[in-house]
Amino acid sequence: MSERLQLRKVELVTANDFVRVLHRHHRPVVGHKFSLGAVAGEFLVGVVIVGRPVSRMRDDGNTLEVTRLCTDGTRNACSFLYGAAARACFALGYRRIGTYLLASETGASVLGAGWRCLGERGGGRGLYRPAHEKTATHWSASSYLNWRTHER
């Protein structure tokens, strides 16, 4: 029988360390508004990092964005963290929270947390300018699906 997931606040350093070790295609982030962790027993099994939207068009002061979510594969940890991030966002007075997933991902976790898909957008073509060559990854040119939970 698996242990029930518990929510814990997590410092950015801890969340970034978790992302550095386990995330499939993203690096740690520079800043955040808050980070949360999913704990099973005494073990950290997932983290969500929430910050200002990456897109300046969405950065209206009322919107936050899940910039990283990473788990060790523990069942339901992703949905647990997406739901917790949304509740925390609204409790802090924000009106919207969103995220982007690769179009190749199923979106089952965000659907399980009650989020909805707003549509597809191209990704990261600007990252291939020579000035950004060091930070470009082959994922940055992929299509992304924009997801958002219900507005408050």
N, C-alpha and C. Protein backbone atom coordinates (compact mmCIF):
# COMPACT_ATOMS: atom_id res chain seq x y z
N MET A 1 0.84 -1.17 0.00
CA MET A 1 0.00 0.00 0.00
C MET A 1 0.89 1.25 0.00
N SER A 2 0.62 2.20 -0.89
CA SER A 2 1.43 3.41 -0.96
C SER A 2 0.99 4.41 0.11
N GLU A 3 1.94 5.23 0.55
CA GLU A 3 1.64 6.22 1.57
C GLU A 3 0.93 7.42 0.95
N ARG A 4 0.08 8.03 1.74
CA ARG A 4 -0.65 9.22 1.30
C ARG A 4 0.34 10.38 1.11
N LEU A 5 0.15 11.13 0.03
CA LEU A 5 1.02 12.27 -0.24
C LEU A 5 0.69 13.43 0.71
N GLN A 6 1.72 14.08 1.18
CA GLN A 6 1.59 15.25 2.03
C GLN A 6 2.24 16.43 1.32
N LEU A 7 1.69 17.62 1.55
CA LEU A 7 2.22 18.84 0.94
C LEU A 7 3.17 19.53 1.91
N ARG A 8 4.30 19.99 1.40
CA ARG A 8 5.28 20.71 2.21
C ARG A 8 5.78 21.91 1.42
N LYS A 9 6.09 23.01 2.13
CA LYS A 9 6.77 24.11 1.47
C LYS A 9 8.21 23.67 1.22
N VAL A 10 8.76 24.15 0.13
CA VAL A 10 10.11 23.75 -0.25
C VAL A 10 10.87 25.00 -0.67
N GLU A 11 12.09 25.13 -0.22
CA GLU A 11 12.94 26.24 -0.64
C GLU A 11 13.34 26.03 -2.10
N LEU A 12 13.59 27.13 -2.80
CA LEU A 12 13.95 27.06 -4.21
C LEU A 12 15.20 26.22 -4.44
N VAL A 13 16.17 26.31 -3.55
CA VAL A 13 17.41 25.52 -3.70
C VAL A 13 17.09 24.03 -3.71
N THR A 14 16.23 23.60 -2.82
CA THR A 14 15.84 22.18 -2.74
C THR A 14 15.07 21.77 -3.99
N ALA A 15 14.11 22.61 -4.41
CA ALA A 15 13.32 22.30 -5.60
C ALA A 15 14.23 22.23 -6.83
N ASN A 16 15.15 23.17 -6.97
CA ASN A 16 16.06 23.17 -8.11
C ASN A 16 16.98 21.96 -8.10
N ASP A 17 17.43 21.54 -6.93
CA ASP A 17 18.25 20.32 -6.84
C ASP A 17 17.47 19.11 -7.33
N PHE A 18 16.20 19.03 -6.95
CA PHE A 18 15.34 17.92 -7.39
C PHE A 18 15.19 17.95 -8.91
N VAL A 19 14.93 19.15 -9.47
CA VAL A 19 14.79 19.30 -10.92
C VAL A 19 16.10 18.94 -11.62
N ARG A 20 17.21 19.39 -11.09
CA ARG A 20 18.52 19.12 -11.71
C ARG A 20 18.77 17.62 -11.85
N VAL A 21 18.35 16.86 -10.86
CA VAL A 21 18.61 15.42 -10.87
C VAL A 21 17.59 14.64 -11.71
N LEU A 22 16.30 15.04 -11.65
CA LEU A 22 15.26 14.18 -12.21
C LEU A 22 14.49 14.71 -13.43
N HIS A 23 14.56 15.99 -13.73
CA HIS A 23 13.74 16.48 -14.84
C HIS A 23 14.30 16.01 -16.17
N ARG A 24 13.40 15.62 -17.08
CA ARG A 24 13.81 15.05 -18.36
C ARG A 24 14.41 16.05 -19.32
N HIS A 25 13.95 17.31 -19.30
CA HIS A 25 14.41 18.22 -20.34
C HIS A 25 14.55 19.68 -19.93
N HIS A 26 14.38 20.01 -18.67
CA HIS A 26 14.54 21.40 -18.25
C HIS A 26 15.62 21.52 -17.18
N ARG A 27 16.21 22.69 -17.15
CA ARG A 27 17.19 23.03 -16.12
C ARG A 27 16.47 23.71 -14.96
N PRO A 28 17.17 23.89 -13.84
CA PRO A 28 16.60 24.64 -12.72
C PRO A 28 16.25 26.08 -13.12
N VAL A 29 15.41 26.72 -12.31
CA VAL A 29 14.98 28.10 -12.60
C VAL A 29 15.79 29.08 -11.76
N VAL A 30 15.74 30.35 -12.15
CA VAL A 30 16.48 31.39 -11.45
C VAL A 30 15.69 31.93 -10.26
N GLY A 31 14.39 32.12 -10.43
CA GLY A 31 13.58 32.68 -9.36
C GLY A 31 12.21 32.03 -9.30
N HIS A 32 11.43 32.40 -8.28
CA HIS A 32 10.09 31.85 -8.11
C HIS A 32 9.28 32.73 -7.17
N LYS A 33 7.99 32.52 -7.16
CA LYS A 33 7.13 33.11 -6.14
C LYS A 33 7.02 32.15 -4.95
N PHE A 34 6.86 30.85 -5.26
CA PHE A 34 6.85 29.84 -4.22
C PHE A 34 7.11 28.47 -4.83
N SER A 35 7.52 27.54 -4.00
CA SER A 35 7.73 26.14 -4.41
C SER A 35 7.09 25.24 -3.38
N LEU A 36 6.53 24.14 -3.85
CA LEU A 36 5.88 23.16 -2.98
C LEU A 36 6.44 21.78 -3.28
N GLY A 37 6.40 20.92 -2.28
CA GLY A 37 6.87 19.56 -2.46
C GLY A 37 5.81 18.56 -2.07
N ALA A 38 5.84 17.41 -2.73
CA ALA A 38 5.01 16.26 -2.36
C ALA A 38 5.91 15.29 -1.61
N VAL A 39 5.44 14.89 -0.44
CA VAL A 39 6.23 14.00 0.41
C VAL A 39 5.42 12.73 0.66
N ALA A 40 6.08 11.58 0.50
CA ALA A 40 5.48 10.28 0.83
C ALA A 40 6.34 9.70 1.95
N GLY A 41 5.73 9.58 3.13
CA GLY A 41 6.53 9.16 4.29
C GLY A 41 7.49 10.27 4.63
N GLU A 42 8.77 9.96 4.57
CA GLU A 42 9.78 10.99 4.84
C GLU A 42 10.55 11.38 3.59
N PHE A 43 10.08 10.94 2.42
CA PHE A 43 10.81 11.19 1.17
C PHE A 43 10.12 12.21 0.29
N LEU A 44 10.89 13.16 -0.22
CA LEU A 44 10.41 14.12 -1.21
C LEU A 44 10.27 13.39 -2.53
N VAL A 45 9.05 13.35 -3.09
CA VAL A 45 8.81 12.60 -4.32
C VAL A 45 8.46 13.50 -5.51
N GLY A 46 8.29 14.80 -5.26
CA GLY A 46 7.99 15.71 -6.35
C GLY A 46 8.02 17.15 -5.89
N VAL A 47 8.26 18.05 -6.85
CA VAL A 47 8.26 19.48 -6.57
C VAL A 47 7.54 20.23 -7.67
N VAL A 48 6.95 21.37 -7.31
CA VAL A 48 6.39 22.30 -8.28
C VAL A 48 6.97 23.67 -7.95
N ILE A 49 7.45 24.34 -8.99
CA ILE A 49 8.00 25.68 -8.84
C ILE A 49 7.07 26.62 -9.59
N VAL A 50 6.58 27.64 -8.88
CA VAL A 50 5.61 28.58 -9.45
C VAL A 50 6.22 29.97 -9.44
N GLY A 51 6.13 30.65 -10.58
CA GLY A 51 6.69 31.98 -10.68
C GLY A 51 5.87 32.87 -11.59
N ARG A 52 6.43 34.01 -11.91
CA ARG A 52 5.79 34.92 -12.86
C ARG A 52 5.77 34.25 -14.23
N PRO A 53 4.78 34.57 -15.04
CA PRO A 53 4.73 33.99 -16.39
C PRO A 53 5.98 34.35 -17.20
N VAL A 54 6.44 33.40 -17.97
CA VAL A 54 7.60 33.63 -18.84
C VAL A 54 7.24 34.64 -19.93
N SER A 55 6.05 34.53 -20.48
CA SER A 55 5.59 35.44 -21.52
C SER A 55 5.21 36.78 -20.91
N ARG A 56 5.80 37.85 -21.41
CA ARG A 56 5.46 39.16 -20.86
C ARG A 56 4.01 39.55 -21.14
N MET A 57 3.40 38.94 -22.16
CA MET A 57 2.00 39.21 -22.46
C MET A 57 1.08 38.65 -21.37
N ARG A 58 1.51 37.61 -20.68
CA ARG A 58 0.70 37.01 -19.62
C ARG A 58 1.05 37.57 -18.24
N ASP A 59 2.13 38.34 -18.15
CA ASP A 59 2.61 38.84 -16.87
C ASP A 59 1.86 40.12 -16.51
N ASP A 60 0.62 39.96 -16.05
CA ASP A 60 -0.27 41.09 -15.79
C ASP A 60 -0.44 41.39 -14.29
N GLY A 61 0.31 40.71 -13.44
CA GLY A 61 0.19 40.92 -12.00
C GLY A 61 -0.87 40.06 -11.35
N ASN A 62 -1.74 39.44 -12.15
CA ASN A 62 -2.80 38.57 -11.64
C ASN A 62 -2.59 37.11 -11.99
N THR A 63 -1.52 36.81 -12.71
CA THR A 63 -1.29 35.48 -13.25
C THR A 63 0.04 34.92 -12.78
N LEU A 64 0.05 33.66 -12.39
CA LEU A 64 1.29 32.94 -12.10
C LEU A 64 1.40 31.76 -13.07
N GLU A 65 2.57 31.16 -13.10
CA GLU A 65 2.81 30.05 -14.03
C GLU A 65 3.62 28.96 -13.33
N VAL A 66 3.23 27.73 -13.56
CA VAL A 66 4.05 26.60 -13.12
C VAL A 66 5.22 26.55 -14.08
N THR A 67 6.41 26.90 -13.59
CA THR A 67 7.58 26.93 -14.46
C THR A 67 8.32 25.60 -14.47
N ARG A 68 8.19 24.83 -13.40
CA ARG A 68 8.75 23.47 -13.36
C ARG A 68 7.87 22.60 -12.48
N LEU A 69 7.67 21.37 -12.92
CA LEU A 69 7.05 20.34 -12.10
C LEU A 69 7.82 19.07 -12.37
N CYS A 70 8.26 18.42 -11.32
CA CYS A 70 9.11 17.24 -11.48
C CYS A 70 8.79 16.26 -10.36
N THR A 71 8.66 14.99 -10.72
CA THR A 71 8.45 13.95 -9.71
C THR A 71 9.38 12.78 -9.98
N ASP A 72 9.43 11.88 -9.03
CA ASP A 72 10.22 10.66 -9.21
C ASP A 72 9.37 9.55 -9.82
N GLY A 73 8.16 9.86 -10.27
CA GLY A 73 7.27 8.87 -10.85
C GLY A 73 6.22 8.35 -9.89
N THR A 74 6.19 8.85 -8.68
CA THR A 74 5.19 8.43 -7.70
C THR A 74 3.79 8.69 -8.25
N ARG A 75 2.94 7.69 -8.13
CA ARG A 75 1.57 7.76 -8.65
C ARG A 75 0.82 8.98 -8.09
N ASN A 76 0.18 9.73 -8.97
CA ASN A 76 -0.66 10.89 -8.66
C ASN A 76 0.09 12.11 -8.13
N ALA A 77 1.41 12.05 -8.05
CA ALA A 77 2.16 13.19 -7.50
C ALA A 77 2.03 14.43 -8.39
N CYS A 78 2.02 14.27 -9.70
CA CYS A 78 1.90 15.43 -10.60
C CYS A 78 0.56 16.13 -10.41
N SER A 79 -0.53 15.38 -10.46
CA SER A 79 -1.85 15.99 -10.27
C SER A 79 -1.98 16.62 -8.89
N PHE A 80 -1.43 15.95 -7.89
CA PHE A 80 -1.44 16.47 -6.52
C PHE A 80 -0.76 17.84 -6.48
N LEU A 81 0.39 17.97 -7.13
CA LEU A 81 1.14 19.22 -7.11
C LEU A 81 0.49 20.30 -7.97
N TYR A 82 -0.07 19.95 -9.13
CA TYR A 82 -0.78 20.95 -9.93
C TYR A 82 -1.97 21.52 -9.16
N GLY A 83 -2.72 20.66 -8.49
CA GLY A 83 -3.86 21.12 -7.71
C GLY A 83 -3.44 21.99 -6.54
N ALA A 84 -2.37 21.59 -5.85
CA ALA A 84 -1.87 22.37 -4.72
C ALA A 84 -1.35 23.73 -5.16
N ALA A 85 -0.68 23.77 -6.31
CA ALA A 85 -0.16 25.04 -6.83
C ALA A 85 -1.30 26.00 -7.15
N ALA A 86 -2.38 25.49 -7.74
CA ALA A 86 -3.53 26.33 -8.07
C ALA A 86 -4.18 26.87 -6.80
N ARG A 87 -4.38 26.01 -5.81
CA ARG A 87 -5.01 26.46 -4.55
C ARG A 87 -4.15 27.52 -3.86
N ALA A 88 -2.84 27.33 -3.85
CA ALA A 88 -1.93 28.30 -3.23
C ALA A 88 -1.96 29.62 -3.99
N CYS A 89 -1.98 29.55 -5.30
CA CYS A 89 -2.04 30.74 -6.14
C CYS A 89 -3.28 31.57 -5.80
N PHE A 90 -4.43 30.93 -5.75
CA PHE A 90 -5.67 31.65 -5.46
C PHE A 90 -5.70 32.15 -4.02
N ALA A 91 -5.13 31.40 -3.10
CA ALA A 91 -5.08 31.83 -1.70
C ALA A 91 -4.21 33.08 -1.54
N LEU A 92 -3.23 33.25 -2.42
CA LEU A 92 -2.36 34.42 -2.38
C LEU A 92 -2.96 35.62 -3.11
N GLY A 93 -4.15 35.46 -3.69
CA GLY A 93 -4.83 36.57 -4.33
C GLY A 93 -4.65 36.67 -5.83
N TYR A 94 -3.97 35.73 -6.44
CA TYR A 94 -3.83 35.74 -7.90
C TYR A 94 -5.11 35.21 -8.53
N ARG A 95 -5.37 35.61 -9.77
CA ARG A 95 -6.62 35.23 -10.43
C ARG A 95 -6.46 34.05 -11.39
N ARG A 96 -5.24 33.83 -11.89
CA ARG A 96 -5.01 32.77 -12.88
C ARG A 96 -3.69 32.08 -12.61
N ILE A 97 -3.63 30.82 -13.01
CA ILE A 97 -2.37 30.09 -13.02
C ILE A 97 -2.39 29.21 -14.26
N GLY A 98 -1.27 29.15 -14.93
CA GLY A 98 -1.17 28.36 -16.15
C GLY A 98 0.15 27.62 -16.22
N THR A 99 0.30 26.85 -17.27
CA THR A 99 1.56 26.16 -17.53
C THR A 99 1.61 25.78 -18.99
N TYR A 100 2.75 25.33 -19.43
CA TYR A 100 2.91 24.83 -20.79
C TYR A 100 3.46 23.42 -20.71
N LEU A 101 2.91 22.52 -21.51
CA LEU A 101 3.41 21.16 -21.62
C LEU A 101 3.82 20.91 -23.06
N LEU A 102 4.78 20.04 -23.25
CA LEU A 102 5.14 19.65 -24.61
C LEU A 102 3.92 19.01 -25.26
N ALA A 103 3.72 19.28 -26.54
CA ALA A 103 2.58 18.70 -27.26
C ALA A 103 2.65 17.17 -27.27
N SER A 104 3.83 16.62 -27.10
CA SER A 104 4.00 15.17 -27.08
C SER A 104 3.57 14.54 -25.75
N GLU A 105 3.32 15.35 -24.72
CA GLU A 105 2.89 14.83 -23.43
C GLU A 105 1.37 14.70 -23.40
N THR A 106 0.87 13.77 -22.63
CA THR A 106 -0.58 13.47 -22.65
C THR A 106 -1.42 14.52 -21.94
N GLY A 107 -0.89 15.18 -20.94
CA GLY A 107 -1.67 16.14 -20.17
C GLY A 107 -2.56 15.50 -19.12
N ALA A 108 -2.39 14.20 -18.88
CA ALA A 108 -3.25 13.50 -17.92
C ALA A 108 -3.17 14.12 -16.52
N SER A 109 -2.00 14.57 -16.12
CA SER A 109 -1.84 15.14 -14.78
C SER A 109 -2.57 16.46 -14.61
N VAL A 110 -2.48 17.33 -15.62
CA VAL A 110 -3.19 18.61 -15.51
C VAL A 110 -4.69 18.40 -15.63
N LEU A 111 -5.11 17.47 -16.48
CA LEU A 111 -6.53 17.14 -16.57
C LEU A 111 -7.03 16.59 -15.23
N GLY A 112 -6.23 15.74 -14.61
CA GLY A 112 -6.58 15.16 -13.32
C GLY A 112 -6.71 16.20 -12.22
N ALA A 113 -6.01 17.33 -12.39
CA ALA A 113 -6.08 18.42 -11.41
C ALA A 113 -7.16 19.43 -11.77
N GLY A 114 -7.92 19.18 -12.84
CA GLY A 114 -9.02 20.07 -13.21
C GLY A 114 -8.65 21.21 -14.13
N TRP A 115 -7.47 21.16 -14.74
CA TRP A 115 -7.05 22.22 -15.65
C TRP A 115 -7.62 21.93 -17.04
N ARG A 116 -7.60 22.93 -17.92
CA ARG A 116 -8.08 22.74 -19.29
C ARG A 116 -7.06 23.27 -20.27
N CYS A 117 -7.05 22.68 -21.45
CA CYS A 117 -6.12 23.08 -22.50
C CYS A 117 -6.71 24.27 -23.26
N LEU A 118 -5.91 25.33 -23.40
CA LEU A 118 -6.35 26.51 -24.13
C LEU A 118 -5.90 26.51 -25.58
N GLY A 119 -4.99 25.65 -25.94
CA GLY A 119 -4.54 25.57 -27.33
C GLY A 119 -3.05 25.35 -27.44
N GLU A 120 -2.61 25.26 -28.68
CA GLU A 120 -1.21 24.97 -28.98
C GLU A 120 -0.51 26.24 -29.44
N ARG A 121 0.76 26.30 -29.11
CA ARG A 121 1.59 27.39 -29.62
C ARG A 121 2.95 26.81 -29.99
N GLY A 122 3.59 27.47 -30.94
CA GLY A 122 4.94 27.06 -31.31
C GLY A 122 5.88 27.43 -30.18
N GLY A 123 7.05 26.87 -30.20
CA GLY A 123 7.93 27.16 -29.08
C GLY A 123 9.33 27.53 -29.47
N GLY A 124 9.83 28.54 -28.81
CA GLY A 124 11.25 28.82 -28.71
C GLY A 124 12.05 29.08 -29.96
N ARG A 125 11.44 29.46 -31.05
CA ARG A 125 12.24 29.69 -32.25
C ARG A 125 13.31 30.75 -32.01
N GLY A 126 13.01 31.75 -31.18
CA GLY A 126 13.96 32.81 -30.88
C GLY A 126 15.18 32.33 -30.12
N LEU A 127 15.10 31.18 -29.48
CA LEU A 127 16.23 30.68 -28.71
C LEU A 127 17.40 30.27 -29.59
N TYR A 128 17.20 30.18 -30.88
CA TYR A 128 18.27 29.75 -31.76
C TYR A 128 19.06 30.91 -32.34
N ARG A 129 18.82 32.13 -31.85
CA ARG A 129 19.68 33.25 -32.24
C ARG A 129 21.05 32.99 -31.64
N PRO A 130 22.12 33.43 -32.30
CA PRO A 130 23.48 33.15 -31.79
C PRO A 130 23.72 33.57 -30.35
N ALA A 131 23.11 34.68 -29.91
CA ALA A 131 23.31 35.15 -28.53
C ALA A 131 22.78 34.16 -27.50
N HIS A 132 21.84 33.32 -27.91
CA HIS A 132 21.22 32.37 -26.98
C HIS A 132 21.67 30.93 -27.24
N GLU A 133 22.69 30.77 -28.05
CA GLU A 133 23.11 29.44 -28.46
C GLU A 133 23.45 28.54 -27.28
N LYS A 134 24.03 29.10 -26.21
CA LYS A 134 24.42 28.28 -25.06
C LYS A 134 23.23 27.70 -24.32
N THR A 135 22.08 28.39 -24.36
CA THR A 135 20.94 27.93 -23.57
C THR A 135 19.92 27.15 -24.39
N ALA A 136 20.07 27.13 -25.71
CA ALA A 136 19.09 26.44 -26.55
C ALA A 136 19.18 24.93 -26.36
N THR A 137 18.04 24.29 -26.35
CA THR A 137 17.99 22.84 -26.30
C THR A 137 17.10 22.38 -27.43
N HIS A 138 17.18 21.11 -27.78
CA HIS A 138 16.35 20.66 -28.89
C HIS A 138 14.87 20.67 -28.54
N TRP A 139 14.51 20.76 -27.25
CA TRP A 139 13.11 20.83 -26.87
C TRP A 139 12.53 22.22 -27.10
N SER A 140 13.39 23.23 -27.15
CA SER A 140 12.89 24.60 -27.24
C SER A 140 12.18 24.88 -28.55
N ALA A 141 12.38 24.07 -29.58
CA ALA A 141 11.71 24.29 -30.86
C ALA A 141 10.42 23.47 -30.98
N SER A 142 10.07 22.74 -29.93
CA SER A 142 8.88 21.90 -29.96
C SER A 142 7.61 22.74 -29.81
N SER A 143 6.48 22.14 -30.17
CA SER A 143 5.19 22.78 -29.91
C SER A 143 4.79 22.53 -28.47
N TYR A 144 4.08 23.51 -27.92
CA TYR A 144 3.62 23.42 -26.54
C TYR A 144 2.11 23.57 -26.50
N LEU A 145 1.50 22.94 -25.49
CA LEU A 145 0.09 23.14 -25.22
C LEU A 145 -0.02 24.03 -23.99
N ASN A 146 -0.84 25.06 -24.10
CA ASN A 146 -1.05 26.02 -23.03
C ASN A 146 -2.22 25.53 -22.17
N TRP A 147 -2.00 25.35 -20.88
CA TRP A 147 -3.01 24.86 -19.94
C TRP A 147 -3.27 25.90 -18.87
N ARG A 148 -4.51 25.97 -18.42
CA ARG A 148 -4.87 26.88 -17.35
C ARG A 148 -5.99 26.25 -16.52
N THR A 149 -5.98 26.57 -15.24
CA THR A 149 -7.08 26.16 -14.40
C THR A 149 -8.13 27.26 -14.38
N HIS A 150 -9.23 27.01 -13.76
CA HIS A 150 -10.33 27.99 -13.74
C HIS A 150 -9.88 29.28 -13.11
N GLU A 151 -10.36 30.39 -13.65
CA GLU A 151 -10.02 31.71 -13.12
C GLU A 151 -10.81 32.00 -11.87
N ARG A 152 -10.27 32.80 -11.00
CA ARG A 152 -10.95 33.25 -9.78
C ARG A 152 -11.25 34.72 -9.92
